[in-house]
């Protein structure tokens, strides 16, 4: 609107982003998470895996991934920006719920860490997190 100010979006009706000026979208966290889950599912399907999404969001995992030999529970974490104040650094919070509790070993098999701007997914087995996060 004013010259010299960066373009931005604002959150609008029903969580949709409304364009205030030109520039990259500022999207609600739920929308970013859904985009990450859909991107992960798309890439898994490209690799010949089968993907199922549970109804609702009351489970500790987002997707089930079926290789034909086993079914694994995937928790997808998505980010769209670098860590503030640390250019080139990516950060993911491997916690759930408003209370910030950690995922228990028997509830998630792996994390799919999605970096949307790079169209990149990192796979992190839950077992590799042993001792790194508090329960």
C-alpha atoms as a PDB file:
ATOM      1  CA  UNK A   1       0.000   0.000   0.000  1.00  0.00           C
ATOM      2  CA  UNK A   2       2.688   2.462   0.978  1.00  0.00           C
ATOM      3  CA  UNK A   3       5.809   2.698  -1.126  1.00  0.00           C
ATOM      4  CA  UNK A   4       8.848   1.135   0.454  1.00  0.00           C
ATOM      5  CA  UNK A   5       6.862  -1.257   2.670  1.00  0.00           C
ATOM      6  CA  UNK A   6       7.104  -4.997   1.981  1.00  0.00           C
ATOM      7  CA  UNK A   7       4.094  -6.705   0.482  1.00  0.00           C
ATOM      8  CA  UNK A   8       2.157  -9.035   2.761  1.00  0.00           C
ATOM      9  CA  UNK A   9      -1.012 -11.010   3.156  1.00  0.00           C
ATOM     10  CA  UNK A  10      -3.360 -11.003   6.085  1.00  0.00           C
ATOM     11  CA  UNK A  11      -5.462 -13.820   7.480  1.00  0.00           C
ATOM     12  CA  UNK A  12      -9.068 -13.462   6.423  1.00  0.00           C
ATOM     13  CA  UNK A  13     -12.425 -15.170   6.643  1.00  0.00           C
ATOM     14  CA  UNK A  14     -12.363 -18.864   7.664  1.00  0.00           C
ATOM     15  CA  UNK A  15      -8.569 -18.908   7.877  1.00  0.00           C
ATOM     16  CA  UNK A  16      -8.034 -18.086   4.214  1.00  0.00           C
ATOM     17  CA  UNK A  17      -5.252 -15.723   3.325  1.00  0.00           C
ATOM     18  CA  UNK A  18      -6.402 -12.491   1.749  1.00  0.00           C
ATOM     19  CA  UNK A  19      -4.051 -10.569  -0.474  1.00  0.00           C
ATOM     20  CA  UNK A  20      -3.535  -7.097   0.908  1.00  0.00           C
ATOM     21  CA  UNK A  21      -0.693  -6.299  -1.506  1.00  0.00           C
ATOM     22  CA  UNK A  22       1.491  -8.300  -3.858  1.00  0.00           C
ATOM     23  CA  UNK A  23       4.056 -10.678  -2.398  1.00  0.00           C
ATOM     24  CA  UNK A  24       4.382 -14.099  -0.810  1.00  0.00           C
ATOM     25  CA  UNK A  25       1.427 -15.418   1.132  1.00  0.00           C
ATOM     26  CA  UNK A  26       1.230 -15.385   4.906  1.00  0.00           C
ATOM     27  CA  UNK A  27      -0.866 -18.491   5.462  1.00  0.00           C
ATOM     28  CA  UNK A  28      -2.464 -19.878   8.620  1.00  0.00           C
ATOM     29  CA  UNK A  29      -0.460 -22.692  10.245  1.00  0.00           C
ATOM     30  CA  UNK A  30      -3.228 -25.232   9.583  1.00  0.00           C
ATOM     31  CA  UNK A  31      -3.120 -24.414   5.861  1.00  0.00           C
ATOM     32  CA  UNK A  32       0.663 -24.802   5.761  1.00  0.00           C
ATOM     33  CA  UNK A  33       0.387 -28.156   7.559  1.00  0.00           C
ATOM     34  CA  UNK A  34      -2.252 -29.408   5.141  1.00  0.00           C
ATOM     35  CA  UNK A  35      -0.116 -28.350   2.164  1.00  0.00           C
ATOM     36  CA  UNK A  36       2.841 -30.273   3.619  1.00  0.00           C
ATOM     37  CA  UNK A  37       0.750 -33.405   4.164  1.00  0.00           C
ATOM     38  CA  UNK A  38      -0.583 -33.254   0.607  1.00  0.00           C
ATOM     39  CA  UNK A  39       2.901 -32.711  -0.832  1.00  0.00           C
ATOM     40  CA  UNK A  40       4.228 -35.666   1.175  1.00  0.00           C
ATOM     41  CA  UNK A  41       1.344 -37.885  -0.010  1.00  0.00           C
ATOM     42  CA  UNK A  42       1.953 -36.870  -3.632  1.00  0.00           C
ATOM     43  CA  UNK A  43       5.662 -37.721  -3.426  1.00  0.00           C
ATOM     44  CA  UNK A  44       4.957 -41.044  -1.659  1.00  0.00           C
ATOM     45  CA  UNK A  45       2.491 -41.996  -4.409  1.00  0.00           C
ATOM     46  CA  UNK A  46       5.148 -41.131  -7.015  1.00  0.00           C
ATOM     47  CA  UNK A  47       7.454 -43.611  -5.259  1.00  0.00           C
ATOM     48  CA  UNK A  48       4.851 -46.381  -5.529  1.00  0.00           C
ATOM     49  CA  UNK A  49       3.696 -46.255  -1.924  1.00  0.00           C
ATOM     50  CA  UNK A  50       0.067 -46.222  -0.838  1.00  0.00           C
ATOM     51  CA  UNK A  51      -1.049 -43.420   1.466  1.00  0.00           C
ATOM     52  CA  UNK A  52      -4.103 -43.180   3.723  1.00  0.00           C
ATOM     53  CA  UNK A  53      -5.191 -40.170   5.728  1.00  0.00           C
ATOM     54  CA  UNK A  54      -7.197 -40.729   8.916  1.00  0.00           C
ATOM     55  CA  UNK A  55     -10.420 -38.781   9.307  1.00  0.00           C
ATOM     56  CA  UNK A  56     -10.096 -35.996  11.866  1.00  0.00           C
ATOM     57  CA  UNK A  57      -6.981 -34.721  13.586  1.00  0.00           C
ATOM     58  CA  UNK A  58      -7.146 -36.482  16.953  1.00  0.00           C
ATOM     59  CA  UNK A  59      -4.372 -39.029  16.267  1.00  0.00           C
ATOM     60  CA  UNK A  60      -0.654 -38.492  16.866  1.00  0.00           C
ATOM     61  CA  UNK A  61       0.088 -39.276  13.197  1.00  0.00           C
ATOM     62  CA  UNK A  62      -1.059 -37.554  10.012  1.00  0.00           C
ATOM     63  CA  UNK A  63      -0.739 -40.290   7.382  1.00  0.00           C
ATOM     64  CA  UNK A  64      -0.403 -44.050   7.034  1.00  0.00           C
ATOM     65  CA  UNK A  65       2.168 -45.171   4.473  1.00  0.00           C
ATOM     66  CA  UNK A  66       1.805 -48.691   3.062  1.00  0.00           C
ATOM     67  CA  UNK A  67       4.801 -50.196   1.252  1.00  0.00           C
ATOM     68  CA  UNK A  68       3.042 -53.490   0.582  1.00  0.00           C
ATOM     69  CA  UNK A  69       5.148 -55.108   3.311  1.00  0.00           C
ATOM     70  CA  UNK A  70       4.364 -52.847   6.249  1.00  0.00           C
ATOM     71  CA  UNK A  71       2.199 -49.901   7.220  1.00  0.00           C
ATOM     72  CA  UNK A  72       3.969 -47.026   8.967  1.00  0.00           C
ATOM     73  CA  UNK A  73       2.540 -44.040  10.839  1.00  0.00           C
ATOM     74  CA  UNK A  74       3.899 -40.714   9.596  1.00  0.00           C
ATOM     75  CA  UNK A  75       3.795 -37.387  11.388  1.00  0.00           C
ATOM     76  CA  UNK A  76       4.331 -34.593   8.867  1.00  0.00           C
ATOM     77  CA  UNK A  77       5.952 -31.327   9.930  1.00  0.00           C
ATOM     78  CA  UNK A  78       6.064 -28.465   7.449  1.00  0.00           C
ATOM     79  CA  UNK A  79       7.995 -25.231   7.315  1.00  0.00           C
ATOM     80  CA  UNK A  80       7.967 -22.363   4.859  1.00  0.00           C
ATOM     81  CA  UNK A  81      10.654 -20.012   6.187  1.00  0.00           C
ATOM     82  CA  UNK A  82      14.166 -20.137   7.579  1.00  0.00           C
ATOM     83  CA  UNK A  83      14.739 -19.905  11.329  1.00  0.00           C
ATOM     84  CA  UNK A  84      14.434 -16.252  12.284  1.00  0.00           C
ATOM     85  CA  UNK A  85      17.837 -14.658  12.710  1.00  0.00           C
ATOM     86  CA  UNK A  86      19.639 -17.713  11.288  1.00  0.00           C
ATOM     87  CA  UNK A  87      19.795 -17.452   7.489  1.00  0.00           C
ATOM     88  CA  UNK A  88      20.064 -20.820   5.757  1.00  0.00           C
ATOM     89  CA  UNK A  89      18.902 -22.751   8.858  1.00  0.00           C
ATOM     90  CA  UNK A  90      15.762 -24.877   8.895  1.00  0.00           C
ATOM     91  CA  UNK A  91      13.851 -25.608  12.071  1.00  0.00           C
ATOM     92  CA  UNK A  92      11.081 -28.042  12.960  1.00  0.00           C
ATOM     93  CA  UNK A  93       9.230 -28.469  16.239  1.00  0.00           C
ATOM     94  CA  UNK A  94       8.758 -32.188  16.892  1.00  0.00           C
ATOM     95  CA  UNK A  95       6.036 -31.731  19.463  1.00  0.00           C
ATOM     96  CA  UNK A  96       2.262 -31.866  19.312  1.00  0.00           C
ATOM     97  CA  UNK A  97      -0.719 -30.267  20.920  1.00  0.00           C
ATOM     98  CA  UNK A  98      -1.000 -26.952  22.657  1.00  0.00           C
ATOM     99  CA  UNK A  99       0.951 -28.296  25.628  1.00  0.00           C
ATOM    100  CA  UNK A 100       4.089 -29.042  23.553  1.00  0.00           C
ATOM    101  CA  UNK A 101       4.338 -32.696  24.531  1.00  0.00           C
ATOM    102  CA  UNK A 102       6.699 -35.058  22.706  1.00  0.00           C
ATOM    103  CA  UNK A 103       5.612 -37.915  20.475  1.00  0.00           C
ATOM    104  CA  UNK A 104       5.873 -41.264  22.233  1.00  0.00           C
ATOM    105  CA  UNK A 105       7.817 -44.098  20.563  1.00  0.00           C
ATOM    106  CA  UNK A 106       4.740 -46.265  20.102  1.00  0.00           C
ATOM    107  CA  UNK A 107       2.598 -43.608  18.368  1.00  0.00           C
ATOM    108  CA  UNK A 108       4.669 -42.461  15.370  1.00  0.00           C
ATOM    109  CA  UNK A 109       7.074 -44.456  13.203  1.00  0.00           C
ATOM    110  CA  UNK A 110       8.704 -41.548  11.373  1.00  0.00           C
ATOM    111  CA  UNK A 111       8.565 -37.819  10.776  1.00  0.00           C
ATOM    112  CA  UNK A 112       8.269 -36.408   7.273  1.00  0.00           C
ATOM    113  CA  UNK A 113       9.927 -32.988   7.431  1.00  0.00           C
ATOM    114  CA  UNK A 114       8.646 -30.939   4.499  1.00  0.00           C
ATOM    115  CA  UNK A 115      10.393 -27.776   3.305  1.00  0.00           C
ATOM    116  CA  UNK A 116       7.738 -26.378   0.989  1.00  0.00           C
ATOM    117  CA  UNK A 117       9.765 -23.636  -0.728  1.00  0.00           C
ATOM    118  CA  UNK A 118      12.441 -26.195  -1.708  1.00  0.00           C
ATOM    119  CA  UNK A 119       9.958 -28.992  -2.549  1.00  0.00           C
ATOM    120  CA  UNK A 120      12.055 -31.224  -0.290  1.00  0.00           C
ATOM    121  CA  UNK A 121      11.179 -33.901   2.261  1.00  0.00           C
ATOM    122  CA  UNK A 122      13.500 -35.253   4.948  1.00  0.00           C
ATOM    123  CA  UNK A 123      12.604 -38.587   6.571  1.00  0.00           C
ATOM    124  CA  UNK A 124      13.464 -38.891  10.257  1.00  0.00           C
ATOM    125  CA  UNK A 125      12.742 -42.213  12.020  1.00  0.00           C
ATOM    126  CA  UNK A 126      11.191 -41.801  15.469  1.00  0.00           C
ATOM    127  CA  UNK A 127      13.885 -44.134  16.844  1.00  0.00           C
ATOM    128  CA  UNK A 128      16.574 -41.576  15.933  1.00  0.00           C
ATOM    129  CA  UNK A 129      14.982 -39.153  18.391  1.00  0.00           C
ATOM    130  CA  UNK A 130      15.684 -41.323  21.454  1.00  0.00           C
ATOM    131  CA  UNK A 131      17.233 -39.113  24.129  1.00  0.00           C
ATOM    132  CA  UNK A 132      16.930 -35.936  22.036  1.00  0.00           C
ATOM    133  CA  UNK A 133      13.522 -34.758  23.203  1.00  0.00           C
ATOM    134  CA  UNK A 134      11.971 -34.910  26.640  1.00  0.00           C
ATOM    135  CA  UNK A 135       8.788 -36.864  27.154  1.00  0.00           C
END
